[in-house]
N, C-alpha and C. Protein backbone atom coordinates (compact mmCIF):
# COMPACT_ATOMS: atom_id res chain seq x y z
N MET A 1 -0.71 47.95 -8.68
CA MET A 1 -1.57 47.06 -9.47
C MET A 1 -2.27 46.04 -8.57
N LEU A 2 -3.52 45.79 -8.87
CA LEU A 2 -4.29 44.83 -8.11
C LEU A 2 -4.13 43.43 -8.64
N LYS A 3 -3.58 42.56 -7.83
CA LYS A 3 -3.35 41.17 -8.25
C LYS A 3 -4.61 40.35 -8.08
N VAL A 4 -4.98 39.61 -9.10
CA VAL A 4 -6.19 38.76 -9.05
C VAL A 4 -5.73 37.39 -8.53
N PRO A 5 -6.36 36.87 -7.48
CA PRO A 5 -6.00 35.54 -6.97
C PRO A 5 -6.27 34.43 -7.96
N PHE A 6 -5.52 33.31 -7.80
CA PHE A 6 -5.69 32.21 -8.72
C PHE A 6 -7.11 31.65 -8.63
N ASN A 7 -7.61 31.30 -9.82
CA ASN A 7 -8.98 30.74 -9.87
C ASN A 7 -8.96 29.65 -10.95
N PHE A 8 -9.34 28.45 -10.60
CA PHE A 8 -9.41 27.34 -11.58
C PHE A 8 -10.35 27.71 -12.75
N ALA A 9 -11.35 28.49 -12.49
CA ALA A 9 -12.31 28.87 -13.53
C ALA A 9 -11.68 29.69 -14.62
N ASN A 10 -10.59 30.40 -14.30
CA ASN A 10 -9.93 31.28 -15.28
C ASN A 10 -8.94 30.53 -16.19
N LEU A 11 -8.69 29.26 -15.94
CA LEU A 11 -7.73 28.53 -16.75
C LEU A 11 -8.28 28.33 -18.14
N SER A 12 -7.37 28.19 -19.11
CA SER A 12 -7.80 27.88 -20.46
C SER A 12 -8.30 26.43 -20.51
N THR A 13 -8.96 26.10 -21.59
CA THR A 13 -9.56 24.77 -21.74
C THR A 13 -8.52 23.67 -21.64
N SER A 14 -7.36 23.92 -22.25
CA SER A 14 -6.30 22.89 -22.25
C SER A 14 -5.87 22.59 -20.77
N TRP A 15 -5.72 23.68 -19.99
CA TRP A 15 -5.32 23.47 -18.60
C TRP A 15 -6.40 22.80 -17.81
N LYS A 16 -7.64 23.13 -18.05
CA LYS A 16 -8.76 22.47 -17.40
C LYS A 16 -8.79 20.97 -17.65
N VAL A 17 -8.56 20.61 -18.93
CA VAL A 17 -8.53 19.18 -19.28
C VAL A 17 -7.35 18.49 -18.60
N LEU A 18 -6.19 19.19 -18.54
CA LEU A 18 -5.03 18.62 -17.92
C LEU A 18 -5.26 18.33 -16.42
N VAL A 19 -5.79 19.32 -15.72
CA VAL A 19 -6.03 19.18 -14.28
C VAL A 19 -7.12 18.13 -14.02
N SER A 20 -8.17 18.15 -14.84
CA SER A 20 -9.26 17.18 -14.68
C SER A 20 -8.75 15.76 -14.90
N GLY A 21 -7.94 15.58 -15.95
CA GLY A 21 -7.37 14.28 -16.22
C GLY A 21 -6.49 13.77 -15.06
N PHE A 22 -5.69 14.71 -14.53
CA PHE A 22 -4.82 14.36 -13.38
C PHE A 22 -5.66 13.88 -12.18
N ILE A 23 -6.74 14.61 -11.93
CA ILE A 23 -7.59 14.21 -10.76
C ILE A 23 -8.26 12.85 -11.02
N ILE A 24 -8.70 12.62 -12.23
CA ILE A 24 -9.38 11.37 -12.55
C ILE A 24 -8.44 10.21 -12.41
N ILE A 25 -7.23 10.37 -12.99
CA ILE A 25 -6.24 9.28 -12.89
C ILE A 25 -5.81 9.06 -11.43
N LEU A 26 -5.60 10.14 -10.71
CA LEU A 26 -5.21 10.00 -9.30
C LEU A 26 -6.28 9.35 -8.52
N GLY A 27 -7.53 9.73 -8.74
CA GLY A 27 -8.65 9.11 -8.07
C GLY A 27 -8.81 7.66 -8.40
N SER A 28 -8.59 7.30 -9.67
CA SER A 28 -8.69 5.92 -10.10
C SER A 28 -7.65 5.05 -9.40
N GLY A 29 -6.42 5.61 -9.29
CA GLY A 29 -5.36 4.90 -8.61
C GLY A 29 -5.66 4.68 -7.17
N TYR A 30 -6.25 5.68 -6.56
CA TYR A 30 -6.61 5.56 -5.15
C TYR A 30 -7.69 4.50 -4.94
N LEU A 31 -8.72 4.49 -5.82
CA LEU A 31 -9.76 3.47 -5.73
C LEU A 31 -9.20 2.08 -5.96
N ALA A 32 -8.20 1.96 -6.85
CA ALA A 32 -7.55 0.68 -7.07
C ALA A 32 -6.82 0.22 -5.80
N ALA A 33 -6.19 1.15 -5.11
CA ALA A 33 -5.51 0.84 -3.84
C ALA A 33 -6.53 0.38 -2.80
N VAL A 34 -7.67 1.05 -2.75
CA VAL A 34 -8.74 0.66 -1.80
C VAL A 34 -9.23 -0.75 -2.13
N LEU A 35 -9.41 -1.02 -3.42
CA LEU A 35 -9.88 -2.36 -3.83
C LEU A 35 -8.85 -3.41 -3.43
N ASN A 36 -7.57 -3.14 -3.64
CA ASN A 36 -6.54 -4.05 -3.28
C ASN A 36 -6.55 -4.34 -1.77
N ALA A 37 -6.72 -3.28 -0.98
CA ALA A 37 -6.78 -3.46 0.45
C ALA A 37 -7.98 -4.28 0.87
N ALA A 38 -9.13 -4.07 0.18
CA ALA A 38 -10.33 -4.83 0.51
C ALA A 38 -10.17 -6.30 0.19
N LEU A 39 -9.50 -6.59 -0.91
CA LEU A 39 -9.33 -8.03 -1.33
C LEU A 39 -8.24 -8.72 -0.57
N SER A 40 -7.19 -8.02 -0.18
CA SER A 40 -6.07 -8.68 0.50
C SER A 40 -6.15 -8.68 2.01
N VAL A 41 -6.84 -7.67 2.56
CA VAL A 41 -6.93 -7.55 4.03
C VAL A 41 -8.39 -7.54 4.47
N GLY A 42 -9.17 -6.65 3.91
CA GLY A 42 -10.56 -6.44 4.37
C GLY A 42 -10.75 -4.97 4.76
N MET A 43 -12.01 -4.57 4.84
CA MET A 43 -12.31 -3.19 5.09
C MET A 43 -12.87 -2.90 6.47
N THR A 44 -13.02 -3.95 7.28
CA THR A 44 -13.59 -3.78 8.62
C THR A 44 -12.46 -3.76 9.68
N PRO A 45 -12.69 -3.15 10.80
CA PRO A 45 -11.68 -3.17 11.88
C PRO A 45 -11.27 -4.60 12.30
N GLN A 46 -12.27 -5.53 12.31
CA GLN A 46 -11.97 -6.90 12.67
C GLN A 46 -11.02 -7.54 11.69
N ALA A 47 -11.25 -7.30 10.36
CA ALA A 47 -10.40 -7.86 9.36
C ALA A 47 -9.00 -7.29 9.44
N ILE A 48 -8.89 -5.98 9.73
CA ILE A 48 -7.55 -5.40 9.91
C ILE A 48 -6.85 -6.01 11.07
N ALA A 49 -7.55 -6.17 12.21
CA ALA A 49 -6.93 -6.77 13.39
C ALA A 49 -6.53 -8.23 13.12
N ASP A 50 -7.35 -8.97 12.41
CA ASP A 50 -7.00 -10.35 12.14
C ASP A 50 -5.76 -10.47 11.24
N HIS A 51 -5.56 -9.50 10.37
CA HIS A 51 -4.41 -9.55 9.44
C HIS A 51 -3.11 -9.09 10.06
N TYR A 52 -3.17 -8.01 10.86
CA TYR A 52 -1.97 -7.39 11.39
C TYR A 52 -1.62 -7.73 12.85
N ALA A 53 -2.59 -8.19 13.61
CA ALA A 53 -2.34 -8.36 15.03
C ALA A 53 -1.40 -9.53 15.30
N ASP A 54 -0.82 -9.53 16.48
CA ASP A 54 0.09 -10.59 16.96
C ASP A 54 -0.72 -11.84 17.22
N LYS A 55 -0.42 -12.93 16.43
CA LYS A 55 -1.16 -14.17 16.60
C LYS A 55 -0.30 -15.27 17.15
N SER A 56 0.75 -14.92 17.84
CA SER A 56 1.58 -15.94 18.47
C SER A 56 0.89 -16.54 19.70
N LEU A 57 1.35 -17.71 20.09
CA LEU A 57 0.69 -18.38 21.21
C LEU A 57 0.91 -17.62 22.51
N SER A 58 -0.11 -17.67 23.35
CA SER A 58 0.03 -17.09 24.68
C SER A 58 0.93 -18.01 25.51
N THR A 59 1.30 -17.53 26.67
CA THR A 59 2.15 -18.31 27.59
C THR A 59 1.48 -19.63 28.01
N SER A 60 0.21 -19.52 28.32
CA SER A 60 -0.54 -20.73 28.77
C SER A 60 -0.69 -21.74 27.64
N GLU A 61 -0.94 -21.26 26.42
CA GLU A 61 -1.08 -22.13 25.28
C GLU A 61 0.23 -22.81 24.95
N ALA A 62 1.33 -22.06 24.99
CA ALA A 62 2.61 -22.66 24.74
C ALA A 62 3.01 -23.71 25.75
N ALA A 63 2.65 -23.46 27.05
CA ALA A 63 2.90 -24.42 28.10
C ALA A 63 2.08 -25.70 27.90
N ALA A 64 0.82 -25.55 27.46
CA ALA A 64 -0.03 -26.70 27.23
C ALA A 64 0.49 -27.56 26.09
N ILE A 65 0.96 -26.90 25.03
CA ILE A 65 1.51 -27.67 23.89
C ILE A 65 2.78 -28.39 24.27
N ALA A 66 3.62 -27.73 25.07
CA ALA A 66 4.88 -28.32 25.52
C ALA A 66 4.60 -29.55 26.39
N GLU A 67 3.52 -29.51 27.18
CA GLU A 67 3.22 -30.60 28.10
C GLU A 67 2.49 -31.74 27.48
N GLN A 68 1.47 -31.45 26.62
CA GLN A 68 0.63 -32.50 26.11
C GLN A 68 0.57 -32.56 24.58
N GLY A 69 1.24 -31.68 23.93
CA GLY A 69 1.32 -31.71 22.47
C GLY A 69 0.17 -31.01 21.77
N PHE A 70 -0.75 -30.46 22.51
CA PHE A 70 -1.88 -29.77 21.91
C PHE A 70 -2.47 -28.84 22.98
N ALA A 71 -3.26 -27.87 22.48
CA ALA A 71 -3.95 -26.94 23.38
C ALA A 71 -5.43 -27.29 23.31
N GLU A 72 -6.03 -27.52 24.50
CA GLU A 72 -7.47 -27.88 24.54
C GLU A 72 -8.34 -26.75 24.00
N GLU A 73 -9.36 -27.14 23.28
CA GLU A 73 -10.35 -26.20 22.81
C GLU A 73 -11.71 -26.55 23.35
N ALA A 74 -12.56 -25.57 23.39
CA ALA A 74 -13.91 -25.78 23.87
C ALA A 74 -14.65 -26.79 23.01
N PHE A 75 -15.41 -27.68 23.62
CA PHE A 75 -16.14 -28.73 22.87
C PHE A 75 -17.59 -28.50 22.99
N SER A 76 -18.32 -28.63 21.87
CA SER A 76 -19.74 -28.41 21.84
C SER A 76 -20.43 -29.68 21.38
N PHE A 77 -21.51 -30.11 22.11
CA PHE A 77 -22.25 -31.28 21.69
C PHE A 77 -23.15 -30.99 20.49
N ASP A 78 -23.19 -29.74 20.06
CA ASP A 78 -23.99 -29.35 18.92
C ASP A 78 -23.22 -29.51 17.62
N ASP A 79 -21.97 -30.00 17.71
CA ASP A 79 -21.19 -30.20 16.46
C ASP A 79 -21.90 -31.16 15.53
N ASP A 80 -21.67 -30.95 14.28
CA ASP A 80 -22.33 -31.74 13.27
C ASP A 80 -21.69 -33.13 13.20
N ASP A 81 -22.46 -34.17 13.63
CA ASP A 81 -21.94 -35.52 13.65
C ASP A 81 -21.64 -36.03 12.22
N GLU A 82 -22.44 -35.61 11.31
CA GLU A 82 -22.23 -36.06 9.94
C GLU A 82 -20.92 -35.54 9.39
N MET A 83 -20.60 -34.31 9.70
CA MET A 83 -19.31 -33.74 9.25
C MET A 83 -18.16 -34.46 9.86
N ALA A 84 -18.29 -34.83 11.14
CA ALA A 84 -17.21 -35.58 11.81
C ALA A 84 -16.99 -36.94 11.13
N GLU A 85 -18.10 -37.58 10.79
CA GLU A 85 -17.99 -38.91 10.14
C GLU A 85 -17.33 -38.79 8.76
N MET A 86 -17.68 -37.73 8.03
CA MET A 86 -17.04 -37.51 6.72
C MET A 86 -15.54 -37.29 6.88
N ASN A 87 -15.15 -36.54 7.92
CA ASN A 87 -13.73 -36.31 8.16
C ASN A 87 -12.99 -37.62 8.42
N MET A 88 -13.63 -38.51 9.21
CA MET A 88 -13.05 -39.80 9.53
C MET A 88 -12.85 -40.65 8.28
N ASP A 89 -13.89 -40.66 7.43
CA ASP A 89 -13.80 -41.44 6.18
C ASP A 89 -12.69 -40.89 5.29
N GLY A 90 -12.58 -39.57 5.24
CA GLY A 90 -11.54 -38.95 4.42
C GLY A 90 -10.18 -39.31 4.92
N MET A 91 -9.98 -39.34 6.24
CA MET A 91 -8.69 -39.72 6.81
C MET A 91 -8.36 -41.17 6.50
N ALA A 92 -9.35 -42.02 6.50
CA ALA A 92 -9.12 -43.44 6.23
C ALA A 92 -8.66 -43.68 4.79
N GLU A 93 -9.11 -42.81 3.88
CA GLU A 93 -8.75 -42.99 2.47
C GLU A 93 -7.45 -42.34 2.11
N MET A 94 -6.82 -41.56 2.99
CA MET A 94 -5.58 -40.90 2.66
C MET A 94 -4.43 -41.88 2.60
N ASP A 95 -3.53 -41.72 1.59
CA ASP A 95 -2.36 -42.57 1.53
C ASP A 95 -1.29 -42.02 2.44
N HIS A 96 -0.17 -42.77 2.52
CA HIS A 96 0.87 -42.39 3.46
C HIS A 96 1.47 -41.05 3.14
N SER A 97 1.66 -40.70 1.88
CA SER A 97 2.24 -39.42 1.53
C SER A 97 1.37 -38.28 1.98
N GLN A 98 0.04 -38.50 1.80
CA GLN A 98 -0.90 -37.47 2.27
C GLN A 98 -0.83 -37.30 3.77
N MET A 99 -0.72 -38.43 4.50
CA MET A 99 -0.62 -38.41 5.91
C MET A 99 0.59 -37.64 6.39
N ASP A 100 1.73 -37.86 5.67
CA ASP A 100 2.94 -37.16 6.02
C ASP A 100 2.81 -35.65 5.83
N MET A 101 2.13 -35.25 4.74
CA MET A 101 1.91 -33.86 4.48
C MET A 101 0.98 -33.27 5.54
N ALA A 102 -0.01 -34.06 5.95
CA ALA A 102 -0.95 -33.59 6.98
C ALA A 102 -0.19 -33.36 8.28
N GLY A 103 0.74 -34.26 8.55
CA GLY A 103 1.54 -34.08 9.73
C GLY A 103 2.39 -32.86 9.74
N MET A 104 2.95 -32.54 8.56
CA MET A 104 3.73 -31.36 8.42
C MET A 104 2.87 -30.12 8.62
N ASP A 105 1.65 -30.13 8.04
CA ASP A 105 0.78 -29.03 8.18
C ASP A 105 0.38 -28.83 9.65
N HIS A 106 0.15 -30.00 10.29
CA HIS A 106 -0.21 -29.91 11.71
C HIS A 106 0.91 -29.34 12.55
N GLY A 107 2.12 -29.72 12.15
CA GLY A 107 3.26 -29.18 12.92
C GLY A 107 3.38 -27.67 12.73
N ASP A 108 3.07 -27.18 11.56
CA ASP A 108 3.08 -25.78 11.35
C ASP A 108 1.98 -25.09 12.13
N ALA A 109 0.79 -25.72 12.17
CA ALA A 109 -0.31 -25.10 12.88
C ALA A 109 -0.07 -25.09 14.37
N VAL A 110 0.67 -26.15 14.88
CA VAL A 110 0.90 -26.20 16.34
C VAL A 110 1.74 -25.01 16.78
N SER A 111 2.56 -24.49 15.89
CA SER A 111 3.39 -23.34 16.29
C SER A 111 2.52 -22.17 16.69
N GLY A 112 1.29 -22.10 16.14
CA GLY A 112 0.34 -21.11 16.54
C GLY A 112 0.69 -19.67 16.23
N ASP A 113 1.52 -19.44 15.25
CA ASP A 113 1.96 -18.08 14.96
C ASP A 113 2.09 -17.86 13.46
N ASP A 114 1.08 -17.18 12.89
CA ASP A 114 1.16 -16.73 11.50
C ASP A 114 1.11 -15.19 11.46
N THR A 115 1.74 -14.61 12.46
CA THR A 115 1.79 -13.15 12.58
C THR A 115 2.60 -12.53 11.44
N LEU A 116 2.11 -11.36 10.98
CA LEU A 116 2.83 -10.64 9.93
C LEU A 116 4.22 -10.26 10.46
N PRO A 117 5.29 -10.66 9.78
CA PRO A 117 6.65 -10.34 10.29
C PRO A 117 6.86 -8.87 10.39
N ALA A 118 7.65 -8.48 11.38
CA ALA A 118 7.96 -7.05 11.57
C ALA A 118 8.63 -6.43 10.36
N GLN A 119 9.45 -7.23 9.66
CA GLN A 119 10.18 -6.71 8.49
C GLN A 119 9.16 -6.36 7.38
N ILE A 120 8.14 -7.16 7.18
CA ILE A 120 7.13 -6.89 6.18
C ILE A 120 6.34 -5.64 6.54
N LEU A 121 6.02 -5.49 7.84
CA LEU A 121 5.27 -4.33 8.27
C LEU A 121 6.14 -3.04 8.08
N ALA A 122 7.46 -3.14 8.34
CA ALA A 122 8.31 -2.01 8.10
C ALA A 122 8.36 -1.63 6.61
N GLN A 123 8.37 -2.69 5.77
CA GLN A 123 8.38 -2.45 4.32
C GLN A 123 7.09 -1.77 3.86
N VAL A 124 5.97 -2.25 4.32
CA VAL A 124 4.69 -1.63 4.03
C VAL A 124 4.66 -0.17 4.47
N SER A 125 5.16 0.07 5.68
CA SER A 125 5.11 1.42 6.25
C SER A 125 5.93 2.41 5.41
N HIS A 126 7.19 2.01 5.08
CA HIS A 126 8.04 3.00 4.40
C HIS A 126 7.60 3.24 2.96
N ILE A 127 7.03 2.20 2.30
CA ILE A 127 6.53 2.39 0.94
C ILE A 127 5.38 3.34 0.95
N HIS A 128 4.43 3.15 1.87
CA HIS A 128 3.25 3.99 1.91
C HIS A 128 3.59 5.43 2.33
N LEU A 129 4.50 5.58 3.29
CA LEU A 129 4.90 6.91 3.73
C LEU A 129 5.54 7.70 2.62
N LEU A 130 6.42 7.08 1.86
CA LEU A 130 7.13 7.78 0.82
C LEU A 130 6.22 8.04 -0.42
N SER A 131 5.48 7.06 -0.86
CA SER A 131 4.63 7.25 -2.06
C SER A 131 3.43 8.13 -1.75
N PHE A 132 2.76 7.91 -0.61
CA PHE A 132 1.55 8.66 -0.31
C PHE A 132 1.87 10.11 0.01
N SER A 133 3.12 10.39 0.47
CA SER A 133 3.45 11.77 0.78
C SER A 133 3.40 12.61 -0.50
N LEU A 134 3.84 12.07 -1.64
CA LEU A 134 3.77 12.77 -2.89
C LEU A 134 2.34 12.90 -3.40
N LEU A 135 1.54 11.86 -3.18
CA LEU A 135 0.15 11.88 -3.58
C LEU A 135 -0.60 12.93 -2.76
N LEU A 136 -0.34 12.95 -1.48
CA LEU A 136 -1.06 13.92 -0.62
C LEU A 136 -0.57 15.34 -0.91
N LEU A 137 0.68 15.49 -1.28
CA LEU A 137 1.17 16.79 -1.67
C LEU A 137 0.43 17.33 -2.88
N SER A 138 0.18 16.43 -3.82
CA SER A 138 -0.57 16.82 -5.02
C SER A 138 -2.01 17.24 -4.68
N MET A 139 -2.69 16.42 -3.90
CA MET A 139 -4.07 16.76 -3.56
C MET A 139 -4.12 17.96 -2.64
N GLY A 140 -3.17 18.06 -1.70
CA GLY A 140 -3.14 19.22 -0.82
C GLY A 140 -2.87 20.50 -1.59
N GLY A 141 -1.99 20.43 -2.57
CA GLY A 141 -1.70 21.60 -3.41
C GLY A 141 -2.94 22.08 -4.16
N LEU A 142 -3.71 21.15 -4.69
CA LEU A 142 -4.95 21.50 -5.39
C LEU A 142 -5.94 22.13 -4.46
N ALA A 143 -6.01 21.57 -3.22
CA ALA A 143 -6.91 22.11 -2.23
C ALA A 143 -6.53 23.58 -1.89
N CYS A 144 -5.24 23.85 -1.79
CA CYS A 144 -4.79 25.21 -1.46
C CYS A 144 -5.10 26.22 -2.58
N LEU A 145 -5.30 25.76 -3.79
CA LEU A 145 -5.55 26.64 -4.91
C LEU A 145 -7.06 26.90 -5.11
N THR A 146 -7.90 26.23 -4.35
CA THR A 146 -9.34 26.43 -4.51
C THR A 146 -9.76 27.76 -3.89
N GLN A 147 -11.04 28.11 -4.07
CA GLN A 147 -11.60 29.34 -3.51
C GLN A 147 -12.18 29.14 -2.10
N LEU A 148 -11.89 28.01 -1.51
CA LEU A 148 -12.37 27.77 -0.14
C LEU A 148 -11.72 28.74 0.82
N VAL A 149 -12.36 28.98 1.96
CA VAL A 149 -11.78 29.87 2.99
C VAL A 149 -10.49 29.20 3.53
N GLU A 150 -9.58 30.01 4.03
CA GLU A 150 -8.29 29.52 4.47
C GLU A 150 -8.42 28.47 5.61
N SER A 151 -9.36 28.66 6.52
CA SER A 151 -9.53 27.71 7.60
C SER A 151 -9.90 26.34 7.10
N THR A 152 -10.77 26.28 6.11
CA THR A 152 -11.17 24.99 5.52
C THR A 152 -10.02 24.34 4.81
N LYS A 153 -9.26 25.11 4.05
CA LYS A 153 -8.09 24.55 3.35
C LYS A 153 -7.06 24.02 4.32
N THR A 154 -6.87 24.74 5.43
CA THR A 154 -5.89 24.30 6.43
C THR A 154 -6.35 22.97 7.08
N ALA A 155 -7.64 22.89 7.35
CA ALA A 155 -8.17 21.66 7.94
C ALA A 155 -8.05 20.45 6.99
N LEU A 156 -8.31 20.69 5.72
CA LEU A 156 -8.21 19.62 4.72
C LEU A 156 -6.78 19.10 4.60
N VAL A 157 -5.85 20.05 4.43
CA VAL A 157 -4.43 19.66 4.29
C VAL A 157 -3.90 18.93 5.54
N SER A 158 -4.28 19.48 6.71
CA SER A 158 -3.87 18.83 7.99
C SER A 158 -4.44 17.41 8.10
N MET A 159 -5.69 17.25 7.73
CA MET A 159 -6.31 15.94 7.86
C MET A 159 -5.71 14.92 6.91
N LEU A 160 -5.28 15.35 5.71
CA LEU A 160 -4.65 14.44 4.77
C LEU A 160 -3.36 13.83 5.38
N PHE A 161 -2.50 14.71 5.89
CA PHE A 161 -1.19 14.24 6.36
C PHE A 161 -1.29 13.59 7.77
N LEU A 162 -2.15 14.08 8.62
CA LEU A 162 -2.34 13.44 9.91
C LEU A 162 -3.03 12.07 9.73
N GLY A 163 -3.90 12.01 8.74
CA GLY A 163 -4.60 10.76 8.48
C GLY A 163 -3.62 9.67 8.02
N LEU A 164 -2.70 10.02 7.14
CA LEU A 164 -1.69 9.06 6.68
C LEU A 164 -0.79 8.62 7.84
N TRP A 165 -0.31 9.59 8.59
CA TRP A 165 0.54 9.30 9.74
C TRP A 165 -0.18 8.42 10.73
N GLY A 166 -1.44 8.77 11.05
CA GLY A 166 -2.19 7.95 12.01
C GLY A 166 -2.49 6.57 11.49
N ASP A 167 -2.68 6.43 10.18
CA ASP A 167 -2.96 5.12 9.58
C ASP A 167 -1.77 4.17 9.73
N ILE A 168 -0.57 4.66 9.41
CA ILE A 168 0.65 3.87 9.55
C ILE A 168 0.96 3.56 11.00
N ILE A 169 0.88 4.56 11.87
CA ILE A 169 1.14 4.33 13.27
C ILE A 169 0.20 3.32 13.89
N SER A 170 -1.09 3.42 13.50
CA SER A 170 -2.09 2.50 14.09
C SER A 170 -1.84 1.09 13.66
N LEU A 171 -1.36 0.84 12.44
CA LEU A 171 -1.04 -0.51 11.99
C LEU A 171 0.05 -1.11 12.86
N ASN A 172 1.02 -0.31 13.20
CA ASN A 172 2.09 -0.78 14.11
C ASN A 172 1.57 -1.05 15.51
N LEU A 173 0.62 -0.24 15.95
CA LEU A 173 0.02 -0.44 17.25
C LEU A 173 -0.81 -1.69 17.29
N VAL A 174 -1.51 -2.00 16.16
CA VAL A 174 -2.23 -3.23 16.05
C VAL A 174 -1.28 -4.44 16.15
N ARG A 175 -0.16 -4.34 15.50
CA ARG A 175 0.81 -5.45 15.45
C ARG A 175 1.48 -5.65 16.80
N PHE A 176 1.87 -4.59 17.47
CA PHE A 176 2.75 -4.75 18.65
C PHE A 176 2.04 -4.44 19.98
N VAL A 177 0.86 -3.83 19.94
CA VAL A 177 0.22 -3.49 21.21
C VAL A 177 -1.13 -4.18 21.38
N SER A 178 -2.11 -3.83 20.53
CA SER A 178 -3.45 -4.41 20.67
C SER A 178 -4.23 -4.32 19.37
N GLY A 179 -5.00 -5.34 19.09
CA GLY A 179 -5.84 -5.33 17.88
C GLY A 179 -6.89 -4.29 17.90
N SER A 180 -7.22 -3.72 19.10
CA SER A 180 -8.25 -2.68 19.19
C SER A 180 -7.89 -1.42 18.39
N PHE A 181 -6.61 -1.23 18.14
CA PHE A 181 -6.19 -0.06 17.40
C PHE A 181 -6.59 -0.16 15.92
N ALA A 182 -7.15 -1.29 15.52
CA ALA A 182 -7.67 -1.41 14.15
C ALA A 182 -8.80 -0.41 13.87
N TYR A 183 -9.53 0.00 14.93
CA TYR A 183 -10.57 0.99 14.73
C TYR A 183 -9.96 2.35 14.39
N LEU A 184 -8.78 2.63 14.90
CA LEU A 184 -8.08 3.87 14.51
C LEU A 184 -7.64 3.82 13.08
N THR A 185 -7.13 2.67 12.66
CA THR A 185 -6.71 2.46 11.23
C THR A 185 -7.93 2.72 10.31
N PHE A 186 -9.06 2.11 10.66
CA PHE A 186 -10.28 2.30 9.85
C PHE A 186 -10.70 3.75 9.81
N ALA A 187 -10.64 4.46 10.93
CA ALA A 187 -11.07 5.85 11.01
C ALA A 187 -10.16 6.73 10.15
N MET A 188 -8.81 6.50 10.26
CA MET A 188 -7.86 7.32 9.52
C MET A 188 -8.00 7.08 8.01
N GLY A 189 -8.18 5.84 7.62
CA GLY A 189 -8.33 5.53 6.17
C GLY A 189 -9.60 6.16 5.63
N THR A 190 -10.67 6.12 6.42
CA THR A 190 -11.93 6.73 5.97
C THR A 190 -11.81 8.24 5.84
N ALA A 191 -11.10 8.88 6.79
CA ALA A 191 -10.89 10.34 6.76
C ALA A 191 -10.11 10.74 5.50
N ILE A 192 -9.07 9.99 5.17
CA ILE A 192 -8.26 10.32 3.97
C ILE A 192 -9.14 10.20 2.72
N GLY A 193 -9.93 9.12 2.67
CA GLY A 193 -10.80 8.93 1.51
C GLY A 193 -11.83 10.03 1.33
N LEU A 194 -12.41 10.50 2.43
CA LEU A 194 -13.39 11.59 2.37
C LEU A 194 -12.72 12.91 1.94
N CYS A 195 -11.53 13.12 2.41
CA CYS A 195 -10.79 14.35 1.98
C CYS A 195 -10.49 14.29 0.50
N PHE A 196 -10.05 13.13 0.04
CA PHE A 196 -9.76 12.98 -1.41
C PHE A 196 -10.99 13.26 -2.21
N ALA A 197 -12.12 12.69 -1.82
CA ALA A 197 -13.37 12.88 -2.57
C ALA A 197 -13.80 14.34 -2.60
N PHE A 198 -13.76 15.00 -1.42
CA PHE A 198 -14.19 16.37 -1.34
C PHE A 198 -13.30 17.27 -2.19
N ILE A 199 -11.98 17.13 -2.09
CA ILE A 199 -11.05 17.97 -2.85
C ILE A 199 -11.27 17.78 -4.35
N SER A 200 -11.42 16.51 -4.76
CA SER A 200 -11.57 16.19 -6.16
C SER A 200 -12.80 16.85 -6.76
N PHE A 201 -13.93 16.68 -6.06
CA PHE A 201 -15.19 17.26 -6.59
C PHE A 201 -15.18 18.79 -6.53
N ARG A 202 -14.54 19.32 -5.48
CA ARG A 202 -14.44 20.78 -5.37
C ARG A 202 -13.64 21.36 -6.53
N VAL A 203 -12.49 20.78 -6.84
CA VAL A 203 -11.67 21.30 -7.93
C VAL A 203 -12.36 21.13 -9.26
N LEU A 204 -13.02 20.01 -9.49
CA LEU A 204 -13.73 19.83 -10.77
C LEU A 204 -14.89 20.80 -10.89
N TRP A 205 -15.53 21.10 -9.79
CA TRP A 205 -16.63 22.07 -9.79
C TRP A 205 -16.11 23.45 -10.15
N GLU A 206 -14.98 23.86 -9.57
CA GLU A 206 -14.44 25.17 -9.88
C GLU A 206 -13.92 25.25 -11.29
N LEU A 207 -13.42 24.12 -11.83
CA LEU A 207 -12.88 24.12 -13.18
C LEU A 207 -13.98 24.31 -14.20
N TRP A 208 -15.10 23.64 -14.05
CA TRP A 208 -16.09 23.58 -15.12
C TRP A 208 -17.41 24.30 -14.83
N LEU A 209 -17.69 24.53 -13.59
CA LEU A 209 -19.00 25.11 -13.24
C LEU A 209 -18.97 26.50 -12.63
N MET A 210 -17.84 26.90 -12.07
CA MET A 210 -17.72 28.25 -11.49
C MET A 210 -17.48 29.28 -12.61
N LYS A 211 -18.09 30.43 -12.46
CA LYS A 211 -17.94 31.50 -13.45
C LYS A 211 -16.52 32.11 -13.32
N PRO A 212 -15.88 32.41 -14.43
CA PRO A 212 -14.54 33.06 -14.38
C PRO A 212 -14.64 34.43 -13.77
N THR A 213 -13.56 34.85 -13.08
CA THR A 213 -13.50 36.21 -12.54
C THR A 213 -12.84 37.12 -13.52
N ASN A 214 -12.92 38.43 -13.29
CA ASN A 214 -12.32 39.46 -14.15
C ASN A 214 -10.83 39.48 -13.94
N ASN A 215 -10.03 39.17 -14.97
CA ASN A 215 -8.61 39.14 -14.86
C ASN A 215 -7.96 40.53 -15.06
N GLN A 216 -8.76 41.54 -15.33
CA GLN A 216 -8.21 42.88 -15.60
C GLN A 216 -7.62 43.45 -14.32
N THR A 217 -6.46 43.97 -14.36
CA THR A 217 -5.79 44.59 -13.21
C THR A 217 -6.06 46.08 -13.17
N GLU A 218 -5.98 46.62 -11.97
CA GLU A 218 -6.29 48.00 -11.74
C GLU A 218 -5.25 48.89 -12.51
N GLY A 219 -5.76 49.94 -13.18
CA GLY A 219 -4.89 50.85 -13.89
C GLY A 219 -4.71 50.51 -15.35
N GLN A 220 -5.19 49.29 -15.76
CA GLN A 220 -5.11 48.92 -17.16
C GLN A 220 -6.38 49.35 -17.87
N PRO A 221 -6.32 49.65 -19.14
CA PRO A 221 -7.50 50.10 -19.92
C PRO A 221 -8.47 48.97 -20.10
């Protein structure tokens, strides 16, 4: 008997609606995750580096603070004099409690380190690795069922999982090695998004626009 390969176009209407709904909900969830990343971190390599990179004081900065209580910053004569005067007036009007709070804030700022804790980064990593692995399994499985050639399906599935792995690894490299690895994070996230979009549109196209194939097997009347 001649076995007919799976084809989304041959599914019944109920199955087509089910698969289409799954893709739409999955895609909406992914877009919500992208929006959350854009609002909480940013979508540019620089924003990623600013959020995840090590922002602790350098050795020279720490030595300067230990010696004189502050680290010198570059001074420009182009600074807005009016703004400086407004700041002085505001300081003069502050009461003692406000001054105390300002001192506390200054003490926090002097520490010079608002780096993302390693424990938080580990938490982000393990949550994304576990949850996204199931999501990528779903999208990869749909890609494997399409009528694309085997080499294309292999490339798509490989890019999905390598993209996730590279995204998480690059965040750790940004935190512990160099902020320049933020470009790798940006590239991996973009690759995953493009794969998601391509697979989604391809499956929907096969479901609703591709002509069904003949399901009759050889030797049957």
